[in-house]
mmCIF file of all heavy atoms, coordinates in Angstrom:
data_MODEL
# 
_entry.id   MODEL 
# 
loop_
_atom_site.group_PDB 
_atom_site.id 
_atom_site.type_symbol 
_atom_site.label_atom_id 
_atom_site.label_alt_id 
_atom_site.label_comp_id 
_atom_site.label_asym_id 
_atom_site.label_entity_id 
_atom_site.label_seq_id 
_atom_site.pdbx_PDB_ins_code 
_atom_site.Cartn_x 
_atom_site.Cartn_y 
_atom_site.Cartn_z 
_atom_site.occupancy 
_atom_site.B_iso_or_equiv 
_atom_site.pdbx_formal_charge 
_atom_site.auth_seq_id 
_atom_site.auth_comp_id 
_atom_site.auth_asym_id 
_atom_site.auth_atom_id 
_atom_site.pdbx_PDB_model_num 
ATOM 1   N N   . GLU A 1 1  ? 0.520  0.535  5.754   1.00 0.00 ? 1  GLU A N   1 
ATOM 2   C CA  . GLU A 1 1  ? 1.078  0.683  4.415   1.00 0.00 ? 1  GLU A CA  1 
ATOM 3   C C   . GLU A 1 1  ? 1.567  2.124  4.221   1.00 0.00 ? 1  GLU A C   1 
ATOM 4   O O   . GLU A 1 1  ? 0.936  3.055  4.690   1.00 0.00 ? 1  GLU A O   1 
ATOM 5   C CB  . GLU A 1 1  ? 0.011  0.351  3.357   1.00 0.00 ? 1  GLU A CB  1 
ATOM 6   C CG  . GLU A 1 1  ? -0.461 -1.054 3.382   1.00 0.00 ? 1  GLU A CG  1 
ATOM 7   C CD  . GLU A 1 1  ? -1.551 -1.319 2.357   1.00 0.00 ? 1  GLU A CD  1 
ATOM 8   O OE1 . GLU A 1 1  ? -2.044 -0.330 1.788   1.00 0.00 ? 1  GLU A OE1 1 
ATOM 9   O OE2 . GLU A 1 1  ? -1.908 -2.479 2.154   1.00 0.00 ? 1  GLU A OE2 1 
ATOM 10  N N   . ALA A 1 2  ? 2.694  2.250  3.570   1.00 0.00 ? 2  ALA A N   1 
ATOM 11  C CA  . ALA A 1 2  ? 3.254  3.562  3.215   1.00 0.00 ? 2  ALA A CA  1 
ATOM 12  C C   . ALA A 1 2  ? 3.143  3.779  1.720   1.00 0.00 ? 2  ALA A C   1 
ATOM 13  O O   . ALA A 1 2  ? 3.596  2.937  0.933   1.00 0.00 ? 2  ALA A O   1 
ATOM 14  C CB  . ALA A 1 2  ? 4.723  3.664  3.656   1.00 0.00 ? 2  ALA A CB  1 
ATOM 15  N N   . TRP A 1 3  ? 2.493  4.859  1.338   1.00 0.00 ? 3  TRP A N   1 
ATOM 16  C CA  . TRP A 1 3  ? 2.287  5.218  -0.074  1.00 0.00 ? 3  TRP A CA  1 
ATOM 17  C C   . TRP A 1 3  ? 3.022  6.526  -0.371  1.00 0.00 ? 3  TRP A C   1 
ATOM 18  O O   . TRP A 1 3  ? 3.333  7.304  0.545   1.00 0.00 ? 3  TRP A O   1 
ATOM 19  C CB  . TRP A 1 3  ? 0.784  5.368  -0.382  1.00 0.00 ? 3  TRP A CB  1 
ATOM 20  C CG  . TRP A 1 3  ? 0.043  4.089  -0.269  1.00 0.00 ? 3  TRP A CG  1 
ATOM 21  C CD1 . TRP A 1 3  ? -0.260 3.407  0.877   1.00 0.00 ? 3  TRP A CD1 1 
ATOM 22  C CD2 . TRP A 1 3  ? -0.538 3.320  -1.339  1.00 0.00 ? 3  TRP A CD2 1 
ATOM 23  N NE1 . TRP A 1 3  ? -0.953 2.270  0.599   1.00 0.00 ? 3  TRP A NE1 1 
ATOM 24  C CE2 . TRP A 1 3  ? -1.149 2.193  -0.745  1.00 0.00 ? 3  TRP A CE2 1 
ATOM 25  C CE3 . TRP A 1 3  ? -0.595 3.506  -2.715  1.00 0.00 ? 3  TRP A CE3 1 
ATOM 26  C CZ2 . TRP A 1 3  ? -1.801 1.227  -1.526  1.00 0.00 ? 3  TRP A CZ2 1 
ATOM 27  C CZ3 . TRP A 1 3  ? -1.259 2.544  -3.469  1.00 0.00 ? 3  TRP A CZ3 1 
ATOM 28  C CH2 . TRP A 1 3  ? -1.847 1.445  -2.872  1.00 0.00 ? 3  TRP A CH2 1 
ATOM 29  N N   . ASP A 1 4  ? 3.255  6.761  -1.667  1.00 0.00 ? 4  ASP A N   1 
ATOM 30  C CA  . ASP A 1 4  ? 3.951  7.973  -2.071  1.00 0.00 ? 4  ASP A CA  1 
ATOM 31  C C   . ASP A 1 4  ? 3.049  9.175  -1.859  1.00 0.00 ? 4  ASP A C   1 
ATOM 32  O O   . ASP A 1 4  ? 1.900  9.073  -1.464  1.00 0.00 ? 4  ASP A O   1 
ATOM 33  C CB  . ASP A 1 4  ? 4.459  7.905  -3.502  1.00 0.00 ? 4  ASP A CB  1 
ATOM 34  C CG  . ASP A 1 4  ? 3.299  7.728  -4.504  1.00 0.00 ? 4  ASP A CG  1 
ATOM 35  O OD1 . ASP A 1 4  ? 2.145  7.685  -4.071  1.00 0.00 ? 4  ASP A OD1 1 
ATOM 36  O OD2 . ASP A 1 4  ? 3.593  7.665  -5.690  1.00 0.00 ? 4  ASP A OD2 1 
ATOM 37  N N   . ARG A 1 5  ? 3.598  10.344 -2.140  1.00 0.00 ? 5  ARG A N   1 
ATOM 38  C CA  . ARG A 1 5  ? 2.867  11.578 -1.844  1.00 0.00 ? 5  ARG A CA  1 
ATOM 39  C C   . ARG A 1 5  ? 1.562  11.712 -2.669  1.00 0.00 ? 5  ARG A C   1 
ATOM 40  O O   . ARG A 1 5  ? 0.579  12.222 -2.202  1.00 0.00 ? 5  ARG A O   1 
ATOM 41  C CB  . ARG A 1 5  ? 3.747  12.802 -2.152  1.00 0.00 ? 5  ARG A CB  1 
ATOM 42  C CG  . ARG A 1 5  ? 3.098  14.125 -1.828  1.00 0.00 ? 5  ARG A CG  1 
ATOM 43  C CD  . ARG A 1 5  ? 4.085  15.266 -1.955  1.00 0.00 ? 5  ARG A CD  1 
ATOM 44  N NE  . ARG A 1 5  ? 5.169  15.145 -0.963  1.00 0.00 ? 5  ARG A NE  1 
ATOM 45  C CZ  . ARG A 1 5  ? 6.113  16.091 -0.819  1.00 0.00 ? 5  ARG A CZ  1 
ATOM 46  N NH1 . ARG A 1 5  ? 6.105  17.184 -1.521  1.00 0.00 ? 5  ARG A NH1 1 
ATOM 47  N NH2 . ARG A 1 5  ? 7.084  15.913 0.082   1.00 0.00 ? 5  ARG A NH2 1 
ATOM 48  N N   . ASP A 1 6  ? 1.541  11.136 -3.898  1.00 0.00 ? 6  ASP A N   1 
ATOM 49  C CA  . ASP A 1 6  ? 0.358  11.197 -4.738  1.00 0.00 ? 6  ASP A CA  1 
ATOM 50  C C   . ASP A 1 6  ? -0.645 10.089 -4.356  1.00 0.00 ? 6  ASP A C   1 
ATOM 51  O O   . ASP A 1 6  ? -1.784 10.098 -4.856  1.00 0.00 ? 6  ASP A O   1 
ATOM 52  C CB  . ASP A 1 6  ? 0.721  11.037 -6.215  1.00 0.00 ? 6  ASP A CB  1 
ATOM 53  C CG  . ASP A 1 6  ? 1.569  12.241 -6.683  1.00 0.00 ? 6  ASP A CG  1 
ATOM 54  O OD1 . ASP A 1 6  ? 1.402  13.308 -6.123  1.00 0.00 ? 6  ASP A OD1 1 
ATOM 55  O OD2 . ASP A 1 6  ? 2.361  12.046 -7.642  1.00 0.00 ? 6  ASP A OD2 1 
ATOM 56  N N   . GLY A 1 7  ? -0.220 9.151  -3.521  1.00 0.00 ? 7  GLY A N   1 
ATOM 57  C CA  . GLY A 1 7  ? -1.130 8.049  -3.134  1.00 0.00 ? 7  GLY A CA  1 
ATOM 58  C C   . GLY A 1 7  ? -1.360 7.065  -4.232  1.00 0.00 ? 7  GLY A C   1 
ATOM 59  O O   . GLY A 1 7  ? -2.363 6.371  -4.176  1.00 0.00 ? 7  GLY A O   1 
ATOM 60  N N   . LYS A 1 8  ? -0.446 6.948  -5.206  1.00 0.00 ? 8  LYS A N   1 
ATOM 61  C CA  . LYS A 1 8  ? -0.662 6.016  -6.314  1.00 0.00 ? 8  LYS A CA  1 
ATOM 62  C C   . LYS A 1 8  ? 0.230  4.798  -6.231  1.00 0.00 ? 8  LYS A C   1 
ATOM 63  O O   . LYS A 1 8  ? -0.146 3.724  -6.694  1.00 0.00 ? 8  LYS A O   1 
ATOM 64  C CB  . LYS A 1 8  ? -0.370 6.747  -7.643  1.00 0.00 ? 8  LYS A CB  1 
ATOM 65  C CG  . LYS A 1 8  ? -1.322 7.919  -7.911  1.00 0.00 ? 8  LYS A CG  1 
ATOM 66  C CD  . LYS A 1 8  ? -0.956 8.591  -9.245  1.00 0.00 ? 8  LYS A CD  1 
ATOM 67  C CE  . LYS A 1 8  ? -1.917 9.733  -9.525  1.00 0.00 ? 8  LYS A CE  1 
ATOM 68  N NZ  . LYS A 1 8  ? -1.566 10.434 -10.795 1.00 0.00 ? 8  LYS A NZ  1 
ATOM 69  N N   . ASN A 1 9  ? 1.412  4.908  -5.638  1.00 0.00 ? 9  ASN A N   1 
ATOM 70  C CA  . ASN A 1 9  ? 2.342  3.795  -5.572  1.00 0.00 ? 9  ASN A CA  1 
ATOM 71  C C   . ASN A 1 9  ? 2.603  3.427  -4.098  1.00 0.00 ? 9  ASN A C   1 
ATOM 72  O O   . ASN A 1 9  ? 2.906  4.303  -3.285  1.00 0.00 ? 9  ASN A O   1 
ATOM 73  C CB  . ASN A 1 9  ? 3.688  4.153  -6.236  1.00 0.00 ? 9  ASN A CB  1 
ATOM 74  C CG  . ASN A 1 9  ? 3.515  4.533  -7.697  1.00 0.00 ? 9  ASN A CG  1 
ATOM 75  O OD1 . ASN A 1 9  ? 2.761  3.881  -8.428  1.00 0.00 ? 9  ASN A OD1 1 
ATOM 76  N ND2 . ASN A 1 9  ? 4.149  5.604  -8.111  1.00 0.00 ? 9  ASN A ND2 1 
ATOM 77  N N   . LYS A 1 10 ? 2.446  2.165  -3.795  1.00 0.00 ? 10 LYS A N   1 
ATOM 78  C CA  . LYS A 1 10 ? 2.719  1.677  -2.455  1.00 0.00 ? 10 LYS A CA  1 
ATOM 79  C C   . LYS A 1 10 ? 4.214  1.438  -2.319  1.00 0.00 ? 10 LYS A C   1 
ATOM 80  O O   . LYS A 1 10 ? 4.820  0.720  -3.054  1.00 0.00 ? 10 LYS A O   1 
ATOM 81  C CB  . LYS A 1 10 ? 1.938  0.399  -2.145  1.00 0.00 ? 10 LYS A CB  1 
ATOM 82  C CG  . LYS A 1 10 ? 2.119  -0.071 -0.700  1.00 0.00 ? 10 LYS A CG  1 
ATOM 83  C CD  . LYS A 1 10 ? 1.142  -1.193 -0.365  1.00 0.00 ? 10 LYS A CD  1 
ATOM 84  C CE  . LYS A 1 10 ? 1.495  -2.456 -1.095  1.00 0.00 ? 10 LYS A CE  1 
ATOM 85  N NZ  . LYS A 1 10 ? 0.667  -3.577 -0.621  1.00 0.00 ? 10 LYS A NZ  1 
ATOM 86  N N   . LEU A 1 11 ? 4.802  2.103  -1.297  1.00 0.00 ? 11 LEU A N   1 
ATOM 87  C CA  . LEU A 1 11 ? 6.257  2.014  -1.102  1.00 0.00 ? 11 LEU A CA  1 
ATOM 88  C C   . LEU A 1 11 ? 6.676  0.822  -0.233  1.00 0.00 ? 11 LEU A C   1 
ATOM 89  O O   . LEU A 1 11 ? 7.668  0.165  -0.521  1.00 0.00 ? 11 LEU A O   1 
ATOM 90  C CB  . LEU A 1 11 ? 6.770  3.310  -0.465  1.00 0.00 ? 11 LEU A CB  1 
ATOM 91  C CG  . LEU A 1 11 ? 6.438  4.629  -1.281  1.00 0.00 ? 11 LEU A CG  1 
ATOM 92  C CD1 . LEU A 1 11 ? 6.953  5.798  -0.507  1.00 0.00 ? 11 LEU A CD1 1 
ATOM 93  C CD2 . LEU A 1 11 ? 7.051  4.551  -2.652  1.00 0.00 ? 11 LEU A CD2 1 
ATOM 94  N N   . ALA A 1 12 ? 5.918  0.553  0.824   1.00 0.00 ? 12 ALA A N   1 
ATOM 95  C CA  . ALA A 1 12 ? 6.352  -0.503 1.732   1.00 0.00 ? 12 ALA A CA  1 
ATOM 96  C C   . ALA A 1 12 ? 5.142  -0.911 2.587   1.00 0.00 ? 12 ALA A C   1 
ATOM 97  O O   . ALA A 1 12 ? 4.177  -0.159 2.723   1.00 0.00 ? 12 ALA A O   1 
ATOM 98  C CB  . ALA A 1 12 ? 7.486  -0.066 2.595   1.00 0.00 ? 12 ALA A CB  1 
ATOM 99  N N   . THR A 1 13 ? 5.229  -2.102 3.160   1.00 0.00 ? 13 THR A N   1 
ATOM 100 C CA  . THR A 1 13 ? 4.247  -2.637 4.072   1.00 0.00 ? 13 THR A CA  1 
ATOM 101 C C   . THR A 1 13 ? 4.910  -2.999 5.391   1.00 0.00 ? 13 THR A C   1 
ATOM 102 O O   . THR A 1 13 ? 5.934  -3.716 5.348   1.00 0.00 ? 13 THR A O   1 
ATOM 103 C CB  . THR A 1 13 ? 3.522  -3.827 3.483   1.00 0.00 ? 13 THR A CB  1 
ATOM 104 O OG1 . THR A 1 13 ? 2.889  -3.485 2.252   1.00 0.00 ? 13 THR A OG1 1 
ATOM 105 C CG2 . THR A 1 13 ? 2.481  -4.353 4.435   1.00 0.00 ? 13 THR A CG2 1 
ATOM 106 N N   . GLY A 1 14 ? 4.380  -2.528 6.484   1.00 0.00 ? 14 GLY A N   1 
ATOM 107 C CA  . GLY A 1 14 ? 4.963  -2.842 7.781   1.00 0.00 ? 14 GLY A CA  1 
ATOM 108 C C   . GLY A 1 14 ? 3.919  -3.084 8.824   1.00 0.00 ? 14 GLY A C   1 
ATOM 109 O O   . GLY A 1 14 ? 2.804  -3.490 8.502   1.00 0.00 ? 14 GLY A O   1 
ATOM 110 N N   . LYS A 1 15 ? 4.270  -2.814 10.080  1.00 0.00 ? 15 LYS A N   1 
ATOM 111 C CA  . LYS A 1 15 ? 3.361  -3.062 11.166  1.00 0.00 ? 15 LYS A CA  1 
ATOM 112 C C   . LYS A 1 15 ? 3.480  -1.940 12.201  1.00 0.00 ? 15 LYS A C   1 
ATOM 113 O O   . LYS A 1 15 ? 4.496  -1.246 12.279  1.00 0.00 ? 15 LYS A O   1 
ATOM 114 C CB  . LYS A 1 15 ? 3.682  -4.411 11.821  1.00 0.00 ? 15 LYS A CB  1 
ATOM 115 C CG  . LYS A 1 15 ? 5.062  -4.486 12.448  1.00 0.00 ? 15 LYS A CG  1 
ATOM 116 C CD  . LYS A 1 15 ? 5.314  -5.843 13.091  1.00 0.00 ? 15 LYS A CD  1 
ATOM 117 C CE  . LYS A 1 15 ? 6.729  -5.897 13.683  1.00 0.00 ? 15 LYS A CE  1 
ATOM 118 N NZ  . LYS A 1 15 ? 6.949  -7.206 14.346  1.00 0.00 ? 15 LYS A NZ  1 
ATOM 119 N N   . LEU A 1 16 ? 2.386  -1.807 12.957  1.00 0.00 ? 16 LEU A N   1 
ATOM 120 C CA  . LEU A 1 16 ? 2.382  -0.782 13.994  1.00 0.00 ? 16 LEU A CA  1 
ATOM 121 C C   . LEU A 1 16 ? 3.189  -1.248 15.191  1.00 0.00 ? 16 LEU A C   1 
ATOM 122 O O   . LEU A 1 16 ? 3.066  -2.395 15.636  1.00 0.00 ? 16 LEU A O   1 
ATOM 123 C CB  . LEU A 1 16 ? 0.933  -0.528 14.433  1.00 0.00 ? 16 LEU A CB  1 
ATOM 124 C CG  . LEU A 1 16 ? 0.728  0.554  15.521  1.00 0.00 ? 16 LEU A CG  1 
ATOM 125 C CD1 . LEU A 1 16 ? 1.109  1.939  14.990  1.00 0.00 ? 16 LEU A CD1 1 
ATOM 126 C CD2 . LEU A 1 16 ? -0.711 0.540  15.986  1.00 0.00 ? 16 LEU A CD2 1 
ATOM 127 N N   . VAL A 1 17 ? 4.103  -0.374 15.677  1.00 0.00 ? 17 VAL A N   1 
ATOM 128 C CA  . VAL A 1 17 ? 4.999  -0.764 16.755  1.00 0.00 ? 17 VAL A CA  1 
ATOM 129 C C   . VAL A 1 17 ? 4.447  -0.281 18.084  1.00 0.00 ? 17 VAL A C   1 
ATOM 130 O O   . VAL A 1 17 ? 4.343  -1.049 19.050  1.00 0.00 ? 17 VAL A O   1 
ATOM 131 C CB  . VAL A 1 17 ? 6.398  -0.198 16.502  1.00 0.00 ? 17 VAL A CB  1 
ATOM 132 C CG1 . VAL A 1 17 ? 7.309  -0.479 17.713  1.00 0.00 ? 17 VAL A CG1 1 
ATOM 133 C CG2 . VAL A 1 17 ? 6.999  -0.759 15.240  1.00 0.00 ? 17 VAL A CG2 1 
ATOM 134 N N   . THR A 1 18 ? 4.107  1.007  18.173  1.00 0.00 ? 18 THR A N   1 
ATOM 135 C CA  . THR A 1 18 ? 3.693  1.539  19.452  1.00 0.00 ? 18 THR A CA  1 
ATOM 136 C C   . THR A 1 18 ? 2.827  2.763  19.252  1.00 0.00 ? 18 THR A C   1 
ATOM 137 O O   . THR A 1 18 ? 2.822  3.370  18.168  1.00 0.00 ? 18 THR A O   1 
ATOM 138 C CB  . THR A 1 18 ? 4.901  1.876  20.328  1.00 0.00 ? 18 THR A CB  1 
ATOM 139 O OG1 . THR A 1 18 ? 4.448  2.302  21.630  1.00 0.00 ? 18 THR A OG1 1 
ATOM 140 C CG2 . THR A 1 18 ? 5.697  3.014  19.724  1.00 0.00 ? 18 THR A CG2 1 
ATOM 141 N N   . ILE A 1 19 ? 2.117  3.163  20.319  1.00 0.00 ? 19 ILE A N   1 
ATOM 142 C CA  . ILE A 1 19 ? 1.312  4.369  20.385  1.00 0.00 ? 19 ILE A CA  1 
ATOM 143 C C   . ILE A 1 19 ? 1.893  5.258  21.495  1.00 0.00 ? 19 ILE A C   1 
ATOM 144 O O   . ILE A 1 19 ? 2.278  4.737  22.543  1.00 0.00 ? 19 ILE A O   1 
ATOM 145 C CB  . ILE A 1 19 ? -0.155 4.066  20.642  1.00 0.00 ? 19 ILE A CB  1 
ATOM 146 C CG1 . ILE A 1 19 ? -0.698 3.102  19.588  1.00 0.00 ? 19 ILE A CG1 1 
ATOM 147 C CG2 . ILE A 1 19 ? -1.009 5.323  20.660  1.00 0.00 ? 19 ILE A CG2 1 
ATOM 148 C CD1 . ILE A 1 19 ? -2.137 2.654  19.887  1.00 0.00 ? 19 ILE A CD1 1 
ATOM 149 N N   . ASP A 1 20 ? 1.988  6.522  21.230  1.00 0.00 ? 20 ASP A N   1 
ATOM 150 C CA  . ASP A 1 20 ? 2.474  7.436  22.232  1.00 0.00 ? 20 ASP A CA  1 
ATOM 151 C C   . ASP A 1 20 ? 1.573  7.418  23.447  1.00 0.00 ? 20 ASP A C   1 
ATOM 152 O O   . ASP A 1 20 ? 0.412  7.044  23.368  1.00 0.00 ? 20 ASP A O   1 
ATOM 153 C CB  . ASP A 1 20 ? 2.549  8.883  21.665  1.00 0.00 ? 20 ASP A CB  1 
ATOM 154 C CG  . ASP A 1 20 ? 3.495  9.781  22.462  1.00 0.00 ? 20 ASP A CG  1 
ATOM 155 O OD1 . ASP A 1 20 ? 4.104  9.262  23.422  1.00 0.00 ? 20 ASP A OD1 1 
ATOM 156 O OD2 . ASP A 1 20 ? 3.643  10.956 22.098  1.00 0.00 ? 20 ASP A OD2 1 
ATOM 157 N N   . ASN A 1 21 ? 2.137  7.820  24.600  1.00 0.00 ? 21 ASN A N   1 
ATOM 158 C CA  . ASN A 1 21 ? 1.357  7.728  25.870  1.00 0.00 ? 21 ASN A CA  1 
ATOM 159 C C   . ASN A 1 21 ? 0.626  8.983  26.201  1.00 0.00 ? 21 ASN A C   1 
ATOM 160 O O   . ASN A 1 21 ? -0.021 9.028  27.238  1.00 0.00 ? 21 ASN A O   1 
ATOM 161 C CB  . ASN A 1 21 ? 2.325  7.371  27.026  1.00 0.00 ? 21 ASN A CB  1 
ATOM 162 C CG  . ASN A 1 21 ? 3.469  8.358  27.152  1.00 0.00 ? 21 ASN A CG  1 
ATOM 163 O OD1 . ASN A 1 21 ? 3.595  9.266  26.351  1.00 0.00 ? 21 ASN A OD1 1 
ATOM 164 N ND2 . ASN A 1 21 ? 4.274  8.210  28.197  1.00 0.00 ? 21 ASN A ND2 1 
ATOM 165 N N   . VAL A 1 22 ? 0.695  10.000 25.364  1.00 0.00 ? 22 VAL A N   1 
ATOM 166 C CA  . VAL A 1 22 ? -0.037 11.241 25.625  1.00 0.00 ? 22 VAL A CA  1 
ATOM 167 C C   . VAL A 1 22 ? -0.671 11.727 24.324  1.00 0.00 ? 22 VAL A C   1 
ATOM 168 O O   . VAL A 1 22 ? -0.228 11.375 23.230  1.00 0.00 ? 22 VAL A O   1 
ATOM 169 C CB  . VAL A 1 22 ? 0.845  12.337 26.236  1.00 0.00 ? 22 VAL A CB  1 
ATOM 170 C CG1 . VAL A 1 22 ? 1.331  11.977 27.625  1.00 0.00 ? 22 VAL A CG1 1 
ATOM 171 C CG2 . VAL A 1 22 ? 2.047  12.623 25.312  1.00 0.00 ? 22 VAL A CG2 1 
ATOM 172 N N   . ILE A 1 23 ? -1.724 12.516 24.456  1.00 0.00 ? 23 ILE A N   1 
ATOM 173 C CA  . ILE A 1 23 ? -2.398 13.154 23.306  1.00 0.00 ? 23 ILE A CA  1 
ATOM 174 C C   . ILE A 1 23 ? -1.939 14.631 23.272  1.00 0.00 ? 23 ILE A C   1 
ATOM 175 O O   . ILE A 1 23 ? -1.923 15.310 24.321  1.00 0.00 ? 23 ILE A O   1 
ATOM 176 C CB  . ILE A 1 23 ? -3.900 13.068 23.443  1.00 0.00 ? 23 ILE A CB  1 
ATOM 177 C CG1 . ILE A 1 23 ? -4.368 11.611 23.338  1.00 0.00 ? 23 ILE A CG1 1 
ATOM 178 C CG2 . ILE A 1 23 ? -4.619 13.906 22.361  1.00 0.00 ? 23 ILE A CG2 1 
ATOM 179 C CD1 . ILE A 1 23 ? -5.819 11.400 23.552  1.00 0.00 ? 23 ILE A CD1 1 
ATOM 180 N N   . ASP A 1 24 ? -1.598 15.062 22.117  1.00 0.00 ? 24 ASP A N   1 
ATOM 181 C CA  . ASP A 1 24 ? -1.169 16.479 21.923  1.00 0.00 ? 24 ASP A CA  1 
ATOM 182 C C   . ASP A 1 24 ? -2.424 17.361 22.037  1.00 0.00 ? 24 ASP A C   1 
ATOM 183 O O   . ASP A 1 24 ? -3.316 17.297 21.176  1.00 0.00 ? 24 ASP A O   1 
ATOM 184 C CB  . ASP A 1 24 ? -0.505 16.640 20.566  1.00 0.00 ? 24 ASP A CB  1 
ATOM 185 C CG  . ASP A 1 24 ? 0.132  18.015 20.402  1.00 0.00 ? 24 ASP A CG  1 
ATOM 186 O OD1 . ASP A 1 24 ? -0.142 18.882 21.251  1.00 0.00 ? 24 ASP A OD1 1 
ATOM 187 O OD2 . ASP A 1 24 ? 0.883  18.199 19.413  1.00 0.00 ? 24 ASP A OD2 1 
# 
């Protein structure tokens, strides 16, 4: 879920696509 900067309004709902192959 994507929420606005204040965390009060939900902007959109999606799904996880991928994870990077390295850790920073």
